[in-house]
């Protein structure tokens, strides 16, 4: 009798994005304004800045053009507000973003 494969545990360390995508860990949402006012949890907005954890390989468009990754692991990036796909792993939210969803690298 063959032994069944046990399911792998998913963590951010063993996720590798497909071509044209990056895995980003969003920064924590601000809980306090610049003037010192604390915001309630119900006011939390989706962050638009995060740290790149993994980068997929270059992407070949339908027209044959090759798009290289605009970022590398550990870059801090700003991305589109409604871009990407949320993934929750072990109570931590991550974003899978297309290369085109990344707006800037924070230096």
C-alpha atoms as a PDB file:
ATOM      1  CA  UNK A   1       0.000   0.000   0.000  1.00  0.00           C
ATOM      2  CA  UNK A   2       1.442   3.371  -1.051  1.00  0.00           C
ATOM      3  CA  UNK A   3       1.934   6.027   1.564  1.00  0.00           C
ATOM      4  CA  UNK A   4      -0.151   9.152   0.877  1.00  0.00           C
ATOM      5  CA  UNK A   5       1.708  12.430   0.565  1.00  0.00           C
ATOM      6  CA  UNK A   6       1.072  14.687   3.515  1.00  0.00           C
ATOM      7  CA  UNK A   7       0.105  18.272   2.658  1.00  0.00           C
ATOM      8  CA  UNK A   8       2.892  20.821   2.870  1.00  0.00           C
ATOM      9  CA  UNK A   9       2.657  23.576   5.417  1.00  0.00           C
ATOM     10  CA  UNK A  10       2.330  26.920   3.655  1.00  0.00           C
ATOM     11  CA  UNK A  11       4.492  29.762   4.905  1.00  0.00           C
ATOM     12  CA  UNK A  12       5.889  32.902   3.302  1.00  0.00           C
ATOM     13  CA  UNK A  13       9.298  31.177   3.210  1.00  0.00           C
ATOM     14  CA  UNK A  14       8.169  28.452   0.817  1.00  0.00           C
ATOM     15  CA  UNK A  15       6.043  30.588  -1.529  1.00  0.00           C
ATOM     16  CA  UNK A  16       7.566  31.525  -4.878  1.00  0.00           C
ATOM     17  CA  UNK A  17       5.512  33.846  -7.102  1.00  0.00           C
ATOM     18  CA  UNK A  18       4.839  32.844 -10.696  1.00  0.00           C
ATOM     19  CA  UNK A  19       6.307  34.891 -13.580  1.00  0.00           C
ATOM     20  CA  UNK A  20       5.209  38.522 -13.469  1.00  0.00           C
ATOM     21  CA  UNK A  21       4.326  38.548  -9.751  1.00  0.00           C
ATOM     22  CA  UNK A  22       5.961  39.563  -6.463  1.00  0.00           C
ATOM     23  CA  UNK A  23       5.081  38.609  -2.880  1.00  0.00           C
ATOM     24  CA  UNK A  24       4.873  41.623  -0.544  1.00  0.00           C
ATOM     25  CA  UNK A  25       4.334  41.899   3.190  1.00  0.00           C
ATOM     26  CA  UNK A  26       2.372  45.139   3.708  1.00  0.00           C
ATOM     27  CA  UNK A  27       3.511  47.547   6.399  1.00  0.00           C
ATOM     28  CA  UNK A  28       1.283  47.926   9.447  1.00  0.00           C
ATOM     29  CA  UNK A  29      -1.511  50.472   9.040  1.00  0.00           C
ATOM     30  CA  UNK A  30      -1.055  53.750  10.908  1.00  0.00           C
ATOM     31  CA  UNK A  31      -3.034  53.831  14.151  1.00  0.00           C
ATOM     32  CA  UNK A  32      -2.210  57.450  14.951  1.00  0.00           C
ATOM     33  CA  UNK A  33      -2.365  60.638  12.899  1.00  0.00           C
ATOM     34  CA  UNK A  34       0.526  63.100  12.638  1.00  0.00           C
ATOM     35  CA  UNK A  35      -1.224  65.314  15.199  1.00  0.00           C
ATOM     36  CA  UNK A  36      -1.399  62.457  17.721  1.00  0.00           C
ATOM     37  CA  UNK A  37      -5.019  61.350  17.330  1.00  0.00           C
ATOM     38  CA  UNK A  38      -5.483  57.562  17.637  1.00  0.00           C
ATOM     39  CA  UNK A  39      -7.671  55.985  14.978  1.00  0.00           C
ATOM     40  CA  UNK A  40     -10.122  53.146  15.731  1.00  0.00           C
ATOM     41  CA  UNK A  41      -9.631  49.732  14.110  1.00  0.00           C
ATOM     42  CA  UNK A  42     -12.734  50.334  12.000  1.00  0.00           C
ATOM     43  CA  UNK A  43     -10.856  53.164  10.239  1.00  0.00           C
ATOM     44  CA  UNK A  44      -7.975  50.951   9.040  1.00  0.00           C
ATOM     45  CA  UNK A  45      -7.200  51.476   5.378  1.00  0.00           C
ATOM     46  CA  UNK A  46      -5.469  48.926   3.234  1.00  0.00           C
ATOM     47  CA  UNK A  47      -1.730  49.787   3.261  1.00  0.00           C
ATOM     48  CA  UNK A  48      -0.075  50.757  -0.026  1.00  0.00           C
ATOM     49  CA  UNK A  49       3.513  50.171   1.099  1.00  0.00           C
ATOM     50  CA  UNK A  50       5.357  46.981   1.946  1.00  0.00           C
ATOM     51  CA  UNK A  51       8.509  44.853   1.798  1.00  0.00           C
ATOM     52  CA  UNK A  52       9.166  42.494  -1.113  1.00  0.00           C
ATOM     53  CA  UNK A  53       9.669  38.933   0.165  1.00  0.00           C
ATOM     54  CA  UNK A  54       9.977  37.025  -3.137  1.00  0.00           C
ATOM     55  CA  UNK A  55      10.041  37.824  -6.850  1.00  0.00           C
ATOM     56  CA  UNK A  56       8.796  35.701  -9.736  1.00  0.00           C
ATOM     57  CA  UNK A  57      10.800  35.302 -12.926  1.00  0.00           C
ATOM     58  CA  UNK A  58      10.500  37.651 -15.883  1.00  0.00           C
ATOM     59  CA  UNK A  59       7.148  37.809 -17.609  1.00  0.00           C
ATOM     60  CA  UNK A  60       6.622  37.318 -21.349  1.00  0.00           C
ATOM     61  CA  UNK A  61       3.644  39.296 -22.651  1.00  0.00           C
ATOM     62  CA  UNK A  62       1.155  38.015 -25.197  1.00  0.00           C
ATOM     63  CA  UNK A  63       3.068  40.030 -27.832  1.00  0.00           C
ATOM     64  CA  UNK A  64       6.374  38.343 -26.957  1.00  0.00           C
ATOM     65  CA  UNK A  65       7.940  41.242 -25.046  1.00  0.00           C
ATOM     66  CA  UNK A  66       9.941  40.261 -21.953  1.00  0.00           C
ATOM     67  CA  UNK A  67       9.306  42.269 -18.777  1.00  0.00           C
ATOM     68  CA  UNK A  68      11.981  41.929 -16.099  1.00  0.00           C
ATOM     69  CA  UNK A  69      11.119  42.268 -12.418  1.00  0.00           C
ATOM     70  CA  UNK A  70      11.310  45.937 -11.381  1.00  0.00           C
ATOM     71  CA  UNK A  71      12.215  45.018  -7.777  1.00  0.00           C
ATOM     72  CA  UNK A  72      14.222  42.535  -5.737  1.00  0.00           C
ATOM     73  CA  UNK A  73      13.717  40.861  -2.365  1.00  0.00           C
ATOM     74  CA  UNK A  74      13.908  43.244   0.631  1.00  0.00           C
ATOM     75  CA  UNK A  75      12.977  46.328  -1.436  1.00  0.00           C
ATOM     76  CA  UNK A  76      10.336  48.569   0.131  1.00  0.00           C
ATOM     77  CA  UNK A  77       7.702  49.430  -2.459  1.00  0.00           C
ATOM     78  CA  UNK A  78       4.597  51.542  -2.917  1.00  0.00           C
ATOM     79  CA  UNK A  79       1.840  49.833  -4.902  1.00  0.00           C
ATOM     80  CA  UNK A  80      -1.611  50.523  -6.288  1.00  0.00           C
ATOM     81  CA  UNK A  81      -4.337  50.863  -3.693  1.00  0.00           C
ATOM     82  CA  UNK A  82      -6.594  48.230  -5.230  1.00  0.00           C
ATOM     83  CA  UNK A  83      -3.893  46.141  -6.886  1.00  0.00           C
ATOM     84  CA  UNK A  84      -2.864  42.634  -5.998  1.00  0.00           C
ATOM     85  CA  UNK A  85      -4.459  39.699  -4.262  1.00  0.00           C
ATOM     86  CA  UNK A  86      -4.609  39.318  -0.489  1.00  0.00           C
ATOM     87  CA  UNK A  87      -3.399  36.028   0.986  1.00  0.00           C
ATOM     88  CA  UNK A  88      -3.582  35.274   4.712  1.00  0.00           C
ATOM     89  CA  UNK A  89      -1.034  32.788   6.067  1.00  0.00           C
ATOM     90  CA  UNK A  90      -0.733  32.074   9.795  1.00  0.00           C
ATOM     91  CA  UNK A  91      -2.704  35.247  10.664  1.00  0.00           C
ATOM     92  CA  UNK A  92      -0.440  37.481   8.545  1.00  0.00           C
ATOM     93  CA  UNK A  93      -1.759  39.223   5.425  1.00  0.00           C
ATOM     94  CA  UNK A  94       0.420  39.215   2.293  1.00  0.00           C
ATOM     95  CA  UNK A  95      -0.073  40.628  -1.197  1.00  0.00           C
ATOM     96  CA  UNK A  96       0.661  38.987  -4.537  1.00  0.00           C
ATOM     97  CA  UNK A  97       1.202  41.916  -6.911  1.00  0.00           C
ATOM     98  CA  UNK A  98       1.733  42.027 -10.653  1.00  0.00           C
ATOM     99  CA  UNK A  99       4.879  43.854 -11.751  1.00  0.00           C
ATOM    100  CA  UNK A 100       2.631  46.603 -13.168  1.00  0.00           C
ATOM    101  CA  UNK A 101       0.938  47.174  -9.766  1.00  0.00           C
ATOM    102  CA  UNK A 102       4.205  48.481  -8.281  1.00  0.00           C
ATOM    103  CA  UNK A 103       4.398  52.262  -8.465  1.00  0.00           C
ATOM    104  CA  UNK A 104       7.739  53.072  -6.777  1.00  0.00           C
ATOM    105  CA  UNK A 105      10.687  51.750  -4.810  1.00  0.00           C
ATOM    106  CA  UNK A 106      11.358  53.589  -1.536  1.00  0.00           C
ATOM    107  CA  UNK A 107      15.068  54.420  -1.253  1.00  0.00           C
END
